[in-house]
Amino acid sequence: MTMDDKKYSYLEKPNMEEVPADLQQEFEAAIDGQMEQQGFFNHLLKILPLNAHQYKGFLNFKESLFNPETCYLSNIDKEMIGLVVSSTNSCNYCLTTHGDVLRGLTKNPEWVDKLTYNYRSAELTEKQRALCDYAYRATKNVAELTPDEIDKLRAVGFNDHEILEAAFVAGFFNYTNRWVSTIGAIPNPGHYSHNR
C-alpha cells in the first residue's frame, strides 16, 4: 500500500484532480517540507484537500495566528493554549500534534507531558497559569465567561493585544478540535515519539 492509498480519517480520500493546480502545489510543498524536517507529515495534510478552498482558508487563518512578525504571544504560549484546549476536549489527534510541537519549542518533554495530562500539575509561571486557566474556562463552559477573565489576565501583565490573541487562539483550537474529532483524523505515529 502506498502512502496515498492509506486512510487517514473517516472521510473519503481527496480526488486531487479536483484540487486547483496552484493549491495542489502548495499542499504538496507542505507535505514535502514536513517530510524533510521530521521524516513524517501531519495526516491532515492528506485529508483536508477534500475541500481545498476551505482548507486554504484554514491555513491562512492559522498563519495569521502564528506569524511572529504580527503576533503578540509567543508560540510556546499559543501551543500551551492548544494543549489545554485539546486536553479539555479530549481530542487525541490535537494532543499528539500540539504536544510534539511544544516539546520541540521547549526541549522539555516531561513538562509538556504534565501540561497534557493536567495543566494544574505542571510548573507554570503566574502568567502561564492565568493563560491556561483562561483556556480551560473558555473551553469548558464559555457561557460562564465574565469580564473577570479579562481582569485576571491583565492582573498578571497581559495587555489587550495579547488577551485578544489568546481569545483568537483558544477559539481557533476549540474549532479545530471539533472538526478533527468529527472526521476521526488518525494521528501520524511519528508525533508520539518526536521531540523526546
Protein backbone atom coordinates (compact mmCIF):
# COMPACT_ATOMS: atom_id res chain seq x y z
CA MET A 1 0.00 0.00 0.00
CA THR A 2 1.43 3.39 -0.96
CA MET A 3 1.12 6.49 1.20
CA ASP A 4 -1.71 7.78 -0.98
CA ASP A 5 -3.69 4.54 -0.53
CA LYS A 6 -3.83 4.88 3.25
CA LYS A 7 -6.96 6.07 5.02
CA TYR A 8 -6.28 8.93 7.44
CA SER A 9 -9.82 9.62 8.68
CA TYR A 10 -13.47 8.56 8.36
CA LEU A 11 -13.73 10.63 5.17
CA GLU A 12 -13.15 9.64 1.57
CA LYS A 13 -9.74 10.33 0.13
CA PRO A 14 -9.49 13.65 -1.75
CA ASN A 15 -9.52 13.46 -5.53
CA MET A 16 -6.50 15.58 -6.31
CA GLU A 17 -7.74 16.13 -9.87
CA GLU A 18 -10.49 18.30 -8.35
CA VAL A 19 -7.97 20.48 -6.49
CA PRO A 20 -6.84 23.63 -8.37
CA ALA A 21 -3.25 23.24 -9.57
CA ASP A 22 -1.88 26.17 -7.53
CA LEU A 23 -3.39 24.81 -4.31
CA GLN A 24 -2.26 21.29 -5.15
CA GLN A 25 1.32 22.54 -5.44
CA GLU A 26 1.04 24.42 -2.15
CA PHE A 27 -0.39 21.40 -0.31
CA GLU A 28 2.27 19.05 -1.75
CA ALA A 29 5.04 21.51 -0.79
CA ALA A 30 3.77 21.48 2.81
CA ILE A 31 3.99 17.66 2.90
CA ASP A 32 7.46 17.71 1.33
CA GLY A 33 8.59 20.29 3.90
CA GLN A 34 7.37 18.22 6.83
CA MET A 35 8.92 15.05 5.41
CA GLU A 36 12.25 16.83 5.03
CA GLN A 37 12.15 18.38 8.53
CA GLN A 38 10.84 15.50 10.61
CA GLY A 39 10.58 12.40 8.43
CA PHE A 40 6.78 12.24 8.56
CA PHE A 41 3.82 14.53 7.89
CA ASN A 42 0.72 15.67 9.71
CA HIS A 43 -2.11 13.48 8.36
CA LEU A 44 -4.44 16.47 7.99
CA LEU A 45 -2.32 17.49 5.01
CA LYS A 46 -3.67 14.44 3.17
CA ILE A 47 -7.27 14.78 4.42
CA LEU A 48 -8.17 18.45 4.04
CA PRO A 49 -7.63 18.90 0.27
CA LEU A 50 -11.07 17.22 0.05
CA ASN A 51 -12.43 20.79 0.48
CA ALA A 52 -9.46 22.62 -0.98
CA HIS A 53 -10.61 26.25 -0.69
CA GLN A 54 -11.81 25.81 2.89
CA TYR A 55 -8.50 24.14 3.71
CA LYS A 56 -6.66 27.13 2.23
CA GLY A 57 -8.80 29.47 4.36
CA PHE A 58 -7.95 27.42 7.45
CA LEU A 59 -4.23 27.63 6.64
CA ASN A 60 -4.44 31.40 6.11
CA PHE A 61 -6.13 31.95 9.48
CA LYS A 62 -3.70 29.63 11.25
CA GLU A 63 -0.79 31.50 9.67
CA SER A 64 -2.21 34.81 10.92
CA LEU A 65 -2.19 33.41 14.47
CA PHE A 66 1.39 32.13 14.26
CA ASN A 67 3.16 34.86 12.26
CA PRO A 68 5.95 36.12 14.57
CA GLU A 69 6.05 39.46 12.74
CA THR A 70 2.44 40.34 13.56
CA CYS A 71 1.61 38.35 16.72
CA TYR A 72 1.79 39.28 20.40
CA LEU A 73 2.05 35.97 22.30
CA SER A 74 4.91 33.53 21.96
CA ASN A 75 4.43 30.27 20.07
CA ILE A 76 5.04 28.47 23.37
CA ASP A 77 2.10 30.35 24.91
CA LYS A 78 -0.09 29.51 21.92
CA GLU A 79 0.82 25.81 21.83
CA MET A 80 0.26 25.69 25.60
CA ILE A 81 -3.26 27.05 25.00
CA GLY A 82 -3.66 24.40 22.29
CA LEU A 83 -2.75 21.62 24.72
CA VAL A 84 -5.10 22.84 27.46
CA VAL A 85 -7.98 23.21 24.99
CA SER A 86 -7.30 19.81 23.40
CA SER A 87 -6.94 18.08 26.77
CA THR A 88 -10.22 19.61 27.98
CA ASN A 89 -11.93 18.45 24.76
CA SER A 90 -10.22 15.00 24.81
CA CYS A 91 -9.04 15.48 21.22
CA ASN A 92 -6.38 12.80 20.81
CA TYR A 93 -5.23 13.98 17.39
CA CYS A 94 -4.65 17.55 18.52
CA LEU A 95 -2.97 16.45 21.75
CA THR A 96 -0.40 14.44 19.80
CA THR A 97 0.40 17.24 17.35
CA HIS A 98 0.44 20.13 19.86
CA GLY A 99 2.45 18.01 22.31
CA ASP A 100 5.00 17.28 19.59
CA VAL A 101 5.33 20.95 18.61
CA LEU A 102 5.57 22.16 22.22
CA ARG A 103 8.23 19.55 23.05
CA GLY A 104 10.23 20.90 20.11
CA LEU A 105 9.83 24.50 21.26
CA THR A 106 10.62 23.91 24.94
CA LYS A 107 13.01 20.93 24.78
CA ASN A 108 11.22 19.78 27.95
CA PRO A 109 9.09 16.68 27.21
CA GLU A 110 8.38 15.95 30.89
CA TRP A 111 6.87 19.40 31.40
CA VAL A 112 4.82 19.05 28.22
CA ASP A 113 3.51 15.66 29.37
CA LYS A 114 2.42 17.15 32.71
CA LEU A 115 0.71 20.00 30.87
CA THR A 116 -1.03 17.49 28.59
CA TYR A 117 -2.33 15.25 31.37
CA ASN A 118 -3.48 18.06 33.67
CA TYR A 119 -2.06 21.56 33.32
CA ARG A 120 -2.60 22.15 37.04
CA SER A 121 0.18 19.63 37.78
CA ALA A 122 2.75 21.44 35.63
CA GLU A 123 5.23 24.01 36.94
CA LEU A 124 3.90 27.26 35.50
CA THR A 125 4.72 30.92 35.86
CA GLU A 126 1.95 33.19 37.12
CA LYS A 127 1.26 34.36 33.56
CA GLN A 128 1.25 30.82 32.17
CA ARG A 129 -1.17 29.64 34.85
CA ALA A 130 -3.53 32.56 34.15
CA LEU A 131 -3.40 31.80 30.41
CA CYS A 132 -4.07 28.09 31.00
CA ASP A 133 -6.91 28.87 33.42
CA TYR A 134 -8.46 31.14 30.78
CA ALA A 135 -8.07 28.50 28.03
CA TYR A 136 -9.68 25.88 30.27
CA ARG A 137 -12.65 28.09 31.22
CA ALA A 138 -13.15 29.29 27.62
CA THR A 139 -13.31 25.65 26.57
CA LYS A 140 -15.19 24.02 29.44
CA ASN A 141 -18.08 26.46 29.72
CA VAL A 142 -17.92 29.56 27.58
CA ALA A 143 -21.33 30.66 28.88
CA GLU A 144 -19.73 31.33 32.27
CA LEU A 145 -17.09 33.76 30.97
CA THR A 146 -17.37 37.22 32.52
CA PRO A 147 -15.32 40.44 32.46
CA ASP A 148 -13.37 38.88 35.35
CA GLU A 149 -11.46 36.80 32.76
CA ILE A 150 -10.02 39.98 31.24
CA ASP A 151 -9.20 41.37 34.69
CA LYS A 152 -7.38 38.19 35.71
CA LEU A 153 -5.24 38.26 32.56
CA ARG A 154 -4.48 41.97 32.92
CA ALA A 155 -3.59 41.48 36.60
CA VAL A 156 -0.67 39.21 35.69
CA GLY A 157 0.63 41.51 32.97
CA PHE A 158 -1.14 40.68 29.71
CA ASN A 159 -2.08 43.67 27.57
CA ASP A 160 -5.25 43.86 25.48
CA HIS A 161 -3.49 42.83 22.23
CA GLU A 162 -2.27 39.66 23.95
CA ILE A 163 -5.68 38.98 25.52
CA LEU A 164 -7.46 39.27 22.17
CA GLU A 165 -4.89 36.99 20.58
CA ALA A 166 -5.35 34.45 23.43
CA ALA A 167 -9.10 34.53 22.71
CA PHE A 168 -8.48 34.01 18.99
CA VAL A 169 -6.12 31.10 19.71
CA ALA A 170 -8.40 29.40 22.25
CA GLY A 171 -11.33 29.82 19.86
CA PHE A 172 -9.31 28.54 16.91
CA PHE A 173 -8.20 25.40 18.73
CA ASN A 174 -11.72 24.71 20.01
CA TYR A 175 -12.91 25.00 16.40
CA THR A 176 -10.15 22.66 15.23
CA ASN A 177 -10.82 20.08 17.98
CA ARG A 178 -14.44 19.81 16.97
CA TRP A 179 -13.99 19.10 13.27
CA VAL A 180 -10.87 16.97 13.76
CA SER A 181 -12.81 14.79 16.23
CA THR A 182 -15.81 14.67 13.86
CA ILE A 183 -13.79 13.35 10.92
CA GLY A 184 -11.83 10.89 13.06
CA ALA A 185 -8.39 12.05 11.94
CA ILE A 186 -5.71 9.49 12.79
CA PRO A 187 -2.50 10.95 14.28
CA ASN A 188 0.71 10.11 12.50
CA PRO A 189 2.56 7.63 14.78
CA GLY A 190 5.65 9.81 14.40
CA HIS A 191 4.11 12.54 16.56
CA TYR A 192 4.12 10.32 19.66
CA SER A 193 7.89 9.92 19.85
CA HIS A 194 9.10 13.03 18.01
CA ASN A 195 10.95 15.72 20.00
CA ARG A 196 11.52 13.46 23.02
